[in-house]
N, C-alpha and C. Protein backbone atom coordinates (compact mmCIF):
# COMPACT_ATOMS: atom_id res chain seq x y z
N MET A 1 -6.59 15.26 65.34
CA MET A 1 -6.02 15.79 64.32
C MET A 1 -4.10 15.03 64.31
N ARG A 2 -3.82 13.80 65.09
CA ARG A 2 -2.90 12.73 64.88
C ARG A 2 -3.74 11.81 64.01
N ASN A 3 -5.02 11.49 64.63
CA ASN A 3 -5.71 10.82 64.07
C ASN A 3 -6.03 10.70 62.46
N THR A 4 -6.38 11.41 62.35
CA THR A 4 -6.07 11.83 60.96
C THR A 4 -5.12 11.92 60.12
N LYS A 5 -4.31 12.30 60.89
CA LYS A 5 -2.56 12.15 59.90
C LYS A 5 -2.48 10.68 59.96
N LEU A 6 -2.85 9.85 60.92
CA LEU A 6 -2.32 8.44 60.92
C LEU A 6 -3.45 7.74 59.82
N THR A 7 -4.93 8.12 59.92
CA THR A 7 -5.44 7.83 58.82
C THR A 7 -5.18 7.81 57.49
N SER A 8 -4.71 9.26 57.12
CA SER A 8 -3.97 9.67 55.91
C SER A 8 -3.06 8.35 55.47
N LEU A 9 -1.85 8.47 56.55
CA LEU A 9 -0.84 7.75 56.03
C LEU A 9 -1.55 6.23 55.77
N ALA A 10 -2.08 5.86 56.71
CA ALA A 10 -2.74 4.96 56.38
C ALA A 10 -3.59 4.28 55.03
N THR A 11 -3.75 5.01 55.21
CA THR A 11 -5.48 5.12 53.00
C THR A 11 -3.92 5.22 52.28
N ALA A 12 -2.82 6.34 52.56
CA ALA A 12 -1.58 6.26 51.47
C ALA A 12 -0.89 4.75 51.23
N GLY A 13 -0.75 4.67 52.01
CA GLY A 13 0.09 3.18 52.42
C GLY A 13 -0.48 2.16 51.78
N ALA A 14 -2.01 1.89 51.91
CA ALA A 14 -2.65 0.84 51.45
C ALA A 14 -2.71 1.19 49.93
N LEU A 15 -3.11 2.40 49.83
CA LEU A 15 -3.40 2.49 48.46
C LEU A 15 -1.92 2.47 47.58
N LEU A 16 -0.57 2.50 47.99
CA LEU A 16 0.61 2.07 47.61
C LEU A 16 0.51 0.95 47.18
N THR A 17 0.27 0.24 48.30
CA THR A 17 0.28 -1.37 48.41
C THR A 17 -0.74 -1.74 46.79
N VAL A 18 -1.28 -1.49 47.21
CA VAL A 18 -2.40 -2.17 45.78
C VAL A 18 -2.04 -1.43 44.38
N ALA A 19 -1.15 -0.54 44.56
CA ALA A 19 -1.00 -0.02 42.99
C ALA A 19 0.37 -0.86 43.02
N SER A 20 1.30 -1.19 43.83
CA SER A 20 2.12 -2.21 43.38
C SER A 20 2.35 -3.28 43.18
N ILE A 21 1.00 -4.22 43.50
CA ILE A 21 0.35 -5.25 43.18
C ILE A 21 0.61 -5.29 41.44
N THR A 22 1.13 -6.51 40.81
CA THR A 22 1.18 -6.36 39.43
C THR A 22 0.19 -7.97 38.99
N ILE A 23 -0.32 -7.78 38.11
CA ILE A 23 -1.27 -8.92 37.91
C ILE A 23 -0.55 -9.44 36.95
N PRO A 24 -0.30 -10.70 36.91
CA PRO A 24 0.64 -11.33 35.48
C PRO A 24 0.03 -11.57 34.29
N VAL A 25 0.39 -10.58 33.41
CA VAL A 25 -0.17 -11.19 31.98
C VAL A 25 0.42 -11.85 31.33
N GLN A 26 0.09 -12.32 30.17
CA GLN A 26 0.48 -13.07 29.33
C GLN A 26 0.52 -12.01 27.82
N ALA A 27 1.78 -11.98 27.14
CA ALA A 27 1.67 -11.09 26.07
C ALA A 27 1.14 -12.46 24.70
N GLN A 28 0.97 -11.51 23.92
CA GLN A 28 0.17 -12.69 22.73
C GLN A 28 0.69 -12.31 21.60
N MET A 29 1.78 -13.36 20.94
CA MET A 29 2.25 -12.86 20.10
C MET A 29 1.57 -12.93 18.79
N ILE A 30 1.53 -11.97 17.86
CA ILE A 30 1.02 -12.12 16.43
C ILE A 30 1.60 -12.49 15.31
N ALA A 31 1.57 -13.42 14.74
CA ALA A 31 2.76 -13.96 13.53
C ALA A 31 2.49 -12.47 12.67
N PRO A 32 3.47 -12.31 11.74
CA PRO A 32 3.64 -10.87 10.72
C PRO A 32 2.60 -11.05 9.56
N PRO A 33 2.58 -10.17 8.71
CA PRO A 33 1.87 -10.39 8.02
C PRO A 33 2.64 -11.09 6.82
N ALA A 34 1.78 -11.42 5.74
CA ALA A 34 2.25 -12.43 4.76
C ALA A 34 2.80 -11.38 3.67
N ARG A 35 2.56 -10.21 3.75
CA ARG A 35 2.64 -9.25 2.22
C ARG A 35 2.44 -7.97 3.07
N VAL A 36 2.93 -7.23 2.66
CA VAL A 36 3.00 -5.66 3.51
C VAL A 36 2.96 -4.81 2.49
N ASP A 37 1.85 -3.89 1.64
CA ASP A 37 1.36 -3.42 1.28
C ASP A 37 2.01 -2.01 1.37
N VAL A 38 2.23 -0.99 0.76
CA VAL A 38 3.07 0.60 1.07
C VAL A 38 2.37 1.31 0.10
N TYR A 39 1.81 2.05 0.36
CA TYR A 39 0.93 3.09 -0.38
C TYR A 39 2.03 4.68 -0.62
N SER A 40 1.87 4.86 -1.49
CA SER A 40 2.81 6.56 -1.75
C SER A 40 1.99 7.20 -2.56
N ASN A 41 2.56 8.56 -2.28
CA ASN A 41 1.83 9.33 -2.92
C ASN A 41 3.15 9.79 -4.37
N MET A 42 4.09 9.29 -3.87
CA MET A 42 5.46 9.55 -4.59
C MET A 42 5.58 8.50 -6.25
N PRO A 43 6.03 9.36 -7.23
CA PRO A 43 5.70 8.78 -7.92
C PRO A 43 6.78 7.14 -7.92
N GLN A 44 6.14 6.00 -8.89
CA GLN A 44 7.00 4.57 -9.00
C GLN A 44 8.21 4.76 -9.90
N VAL A 45 8.87 4.76 -9.38
CA VAL A 45 10.28 4.27 -11.16
C VAL A 45 10.30 3.11 -10.90
N GLY A 46 11.11 2.28 -11.95
CA GLY A 46 11.50 1.17 -12.29
C GLY A 46 12.83 1.32 -13.02
N PRO A 47 13.48 0.71 -13.27
CA PRO A 47 15.28 0.23 -13.54
C PRO A 47 15.31 1.00 -15.12
N GLY A 48 13.87 0.91 -15.44
CA GLY A 48 14.39 1.33 -17.16
C GLY A 48 14.10 2.92 -16.90
N ASP A 49 13.83 3.78 -16.20
CA ASP A 49 13.15 4.78 -15.97
C ASP A 49 14.60 5.70 -15.65
N ASP A 50 15.80 5.24 -15.58
CA ASP A 50 16.79 5.57 -14.81
C ASP A 50 17.70 6.01 -16.58
N PRO A 51 18.07 7.67 -16.45
CA PRO A 51 18.88 7.89 -18.04
C PRO A 51 19.91 6.93 -17.91
N ALA A 52 20.37 6.39 -16.82
CA ALA A 52 21.63 5.52 -17.23
C ALA A 52 21.65 4.63 -17.97
N ASN A 53 20.27 3.82 -17.74
CA ASN A 53 19.47 2.67 -18.26
C ASN A 53 19.17 2.61 -19.49
N TRP A 54 18.99 3.77 -19.61
CA TRP A 54 18.01 3.99 -20.76
C TRP A 54 18.39 3.74 -22.63
N SER A 55 18.29 2.89 -23.26
CA SER A 55 18.33 3.05 -24.18
C SER A 55 17.73 2.65 -25.66
N ALA A 56 17.58 4.23 -26.78
CA ALA A 56 17.01 4.30 -27.24
C ALA A 56 16.41 2.88 -28.41
N ARG A 57 17.40 1.73 -28.42
CA ARG A 57 16.98 0.87 -29.50
C ARG A 57 16.25 0.02 -28.30
N GLN A 58 16.43 -0.03 -27.33
CA GLN A 58 15.76 -1.27 -26.42
C GLN A 58 14.24 -0.32 -26.31
N ASN A 59 14.07 0.60 -26.38
CA ASN A 59 12.46 1.52 -26.55
C ASN A 59 11.81 1.19 -27.72
N VAL A 60 12.34 1.20 -28.73
CA VAL A 60 12.29 0.40 -29.94
C VAL A 60 11.85 -0.51 -30.11
N VAL A 61 12.93 -1.39 -29.83
CA VAL A 61 11.99 -2.90 -29.46
C VAL A 61 10.60 -3.22 -28.39
N GLU A 62 10.68 -2.66 -27.05
CA GLU A 62 9.91 -3.30 -26.22
C GLU A 62 8.58 -2.19 -27.34
N SER A 63 8.60 -1.27 -28.05
CA SER A 63 7.70 -0.80 -28.66
C SER A 63 6.86 -1.05 -29.40
N ASN A 64 7.83 -1.90 -30.32
CA ASN A 64 7.56 -3.03 -30.98
C ASN A 64 6.88 -3.91 -30.89
N ARG A 65 7.29 -4.75 -30.07
CA ARG A 65 6.91 -6.02 -28.95
C ARG A 65 5.23 -5.59 -28.65
N TYR A 66 5.12 -4.28 -28.18
CA TYR A 66 3.96 -3.60 -27.34
C TYR A 66 2.95 -3.43 -28.56
N GLU A 67 3.12 -3.03 -29.42
CA GLU A 67 2.37 -3.30 -30.60
C GLU A 67 2.00 -4.36 -31.26
N HIS A 68 3.02 -5.16 -31.33
CA HIS A 68 2.88 -6.74 -31.70
C HIS A 68 1.58 -7.27 -31.06
N LEU A 69 1.84 -7.26 -29.95
CA LEU A 69 0.67 -7.83 -28.70
C LEU A 69 -0.43 -7.26 -29.05
N THR A 70 -0.86 -5.97 -29.38
CA THR A 70 -2.18 -5.40 -28.96
C THR A 70 -3.05 -5.56 -30.36
N HIS A 71 -1.96 -5.85 -31.71
CA HIS A 71 -2.52 -6.05 -32.56
C HIS A 71 -2.43 -7.91 -32.93
N THR A 72 -1.91 -8.87 -32.20
CA THR A 72 -2.06 -10.07 -32.30
C THR A 72 -2.73 -10.90 -30.91
N ASN A 73 -2.71 -10.45 -29.94
CA ASN A 73 -3.23 -11.15 -29.06
C ASN A 73 -4.04 -10.46 -28.08
N PRO A 74 -5.68 -10.97 -28.50
CA PRO A 74 -7.09 -10.89 -27.86
C PRO A 74 -7.29 -10.53 -26.70
N ALA A 75 -6.77 -11.50 -25.91
CA ALA A 75 -6.14 -11.23 -24.29
C ALA A 75 -5.49 -9.82 -23.80
N PHE A 76 -4.67 -10.04 -24.37
CA PHE A 76 -3.61 -8.56 -23.86
C PHE A 76 -4.16 -7.39 -24.75
N ARG A 77 -4.51 -7.28 -25.81
CA ARG A 77 -5.08 -5.99 -26.43
C ARG A 77 -6.37 -5.91 -25.58
N ALA A 78 -7.70 -6.98 -24.59
CA ALA A 78 -8.70 -6.50 -23.88
C ALA A 78 -8.39 -6.10 -22.22
N ALA A 79 -7.01 -6.61 -22.04
CA ALA A 79 -6.58 -6.04 -20.76
C ALA A 79 -5.97 -4.79 -21.00
N ARG A 80 -5.40 -4.24 -21.95
CA ARG A 80 -4.85 -2.64 -21.76
C ARG A 80 -5.48 -1.99 -22.41
N ILE A 81 -6.99 -2.42 -22.92
CA ILE A 81 -7.93 -1.35 -22.73
C ILE A 81 -8.89 -1.27 -22.06
N ARG A 82 -9.26 -2.41 -21.07
CA ARG A 82 -9.44 -2.51 -19.41
C ARG A 82 -8.57 -1.22 -18.76
N LYS A 83 -7.55 -1.52 -18.71
CA LYS A 83 -6.67 -0.94 -17.79
C LYS A 83 -6.10 1.12 -18.46
N GLU A 84 -6.38 1.37 -19.72
CA GLU A 84 -6.33 2.52 -20.38
C GLU A 84 -7.75 3.30 -20.58
N CYS A 85 -8.67 2.43 -20.93
CA CYS A 85 -9.68 2.98 -21.02
C CYS A 85 -10.89 3.08 -20.04
N GLY A 86 -10.76 2.08 -19.22
CA GLY A 86 -11.05 1.44 -18.27
C GLY A 86 -12.17 2.79 -17.11
N PRO A 87 -11.45 3.80 -17.02
CA PRO A 87 -11.39 4.97 -16.02
C PRO A 87 -12.42 5.92 -16.53
N ILE A 88 -12.70 6.02 -18.08
CA ILE A 88 -13.02 7.00 -18.67
C ILE A 88 -14.65 6.65 -18.61
N THR A 89 -15.65 7.60 -18.60
CA THR A 89 -16.63 7.57 -18.29
C THR A 89 -17.62 8.19 -19.33
N GLU A 90 -17.07 9.30 -20.04
CA GLU A 90 -17.29 9.82 -21.22
C GLU A 90 -17.91 8.86 -22.24
N PRO A 91 -18.87 8.26 -23.04
CA PRO A 91 -18.76 7.69 -23.81
C PRO A 91 -18.32 7.55 -25.23
N GLY A 92 -18.18 9.25 -25.51
CA GLY A 92 -17.55 9.12 -26.86
C GLY A 92 -16.13 8.99 -26.27
N LEU A 93 -15.45 9.60 -25.37
CA LEU A 93 -14.42 9.36 -25.36
C LEU A 93 -13.54 8.09 -25.00
N TYR A 94 -14.71 7.27 -24.44
CA TYR A 94 -14.01 6.05 -24.21
C TYR A 94 -14.13 5.27 -25.63
N GLN A 95 -15.07 5.36 -26.68
CA GLN A 95 -14.64 4.65 -27.89
C GLN A 95 -13.72 4.95 -28.50
N GLN A 96 -13.29 6.61 -28.08
CA GLN A 96 -12.07 7.24 -29.16
C GLN A 96 -10.73 6.54 -28.60
N CYS A 97 -10.78 5.77 -26.87
CA CYS A 97 -9.71 5.34 -26.39
C CYS A 97 -9.31 3.84 -27.10
N VAL A 98 -11.00 3.55 -27.24
CA VAL A 98 -10.89 1.84 -27.41
C VAL A 98 -10.52 1.79 -29.72
N ALA A 99 -11.07 2.72 -29.99
CA ALA A 99 -10.56 2.98 -31.58
C ALA A 99 -8.97 3.03 -31.45
N THR A 100 -8.24 3.24 -30.79
CA THR A 100 -6.74 3.40 -30.50
C THR A 100 -5.89 1.70 -30.65
N PHE A 101 -6.39 1.23 -30.05
CA PHE A 101 -6.37 -0.27 -30.18
C PHE A 101 -6.55 -1.34 -31.34
N ARG A 102 -7.66 -0.37 -32.30
CA ARG A 102 -7.63 -0.93 -33.81
C ARG A 102 -6.34 -1.01 -34.95
């Protein structure tokens, strides 16, 4: 009985000694990403969406500028058609969408 206790104590001591030995490890530093993309289901708002910053006159000015660009700049018009009409898969609806830019 005494040998069993002694053996148990010796084994426990050996296990504690092994567990307490630490192996030196070097931490590897990872550079932070150059750009962080944040994805959110929340609506994204800009300064112009704040009622305190909204101006009817500015809205008319921006609308006229947009209309002018869609009628005079083919690259701008093509980009807007891709953005606004591109996701439409129904051919008839797609043609209607494209027709709004003419």
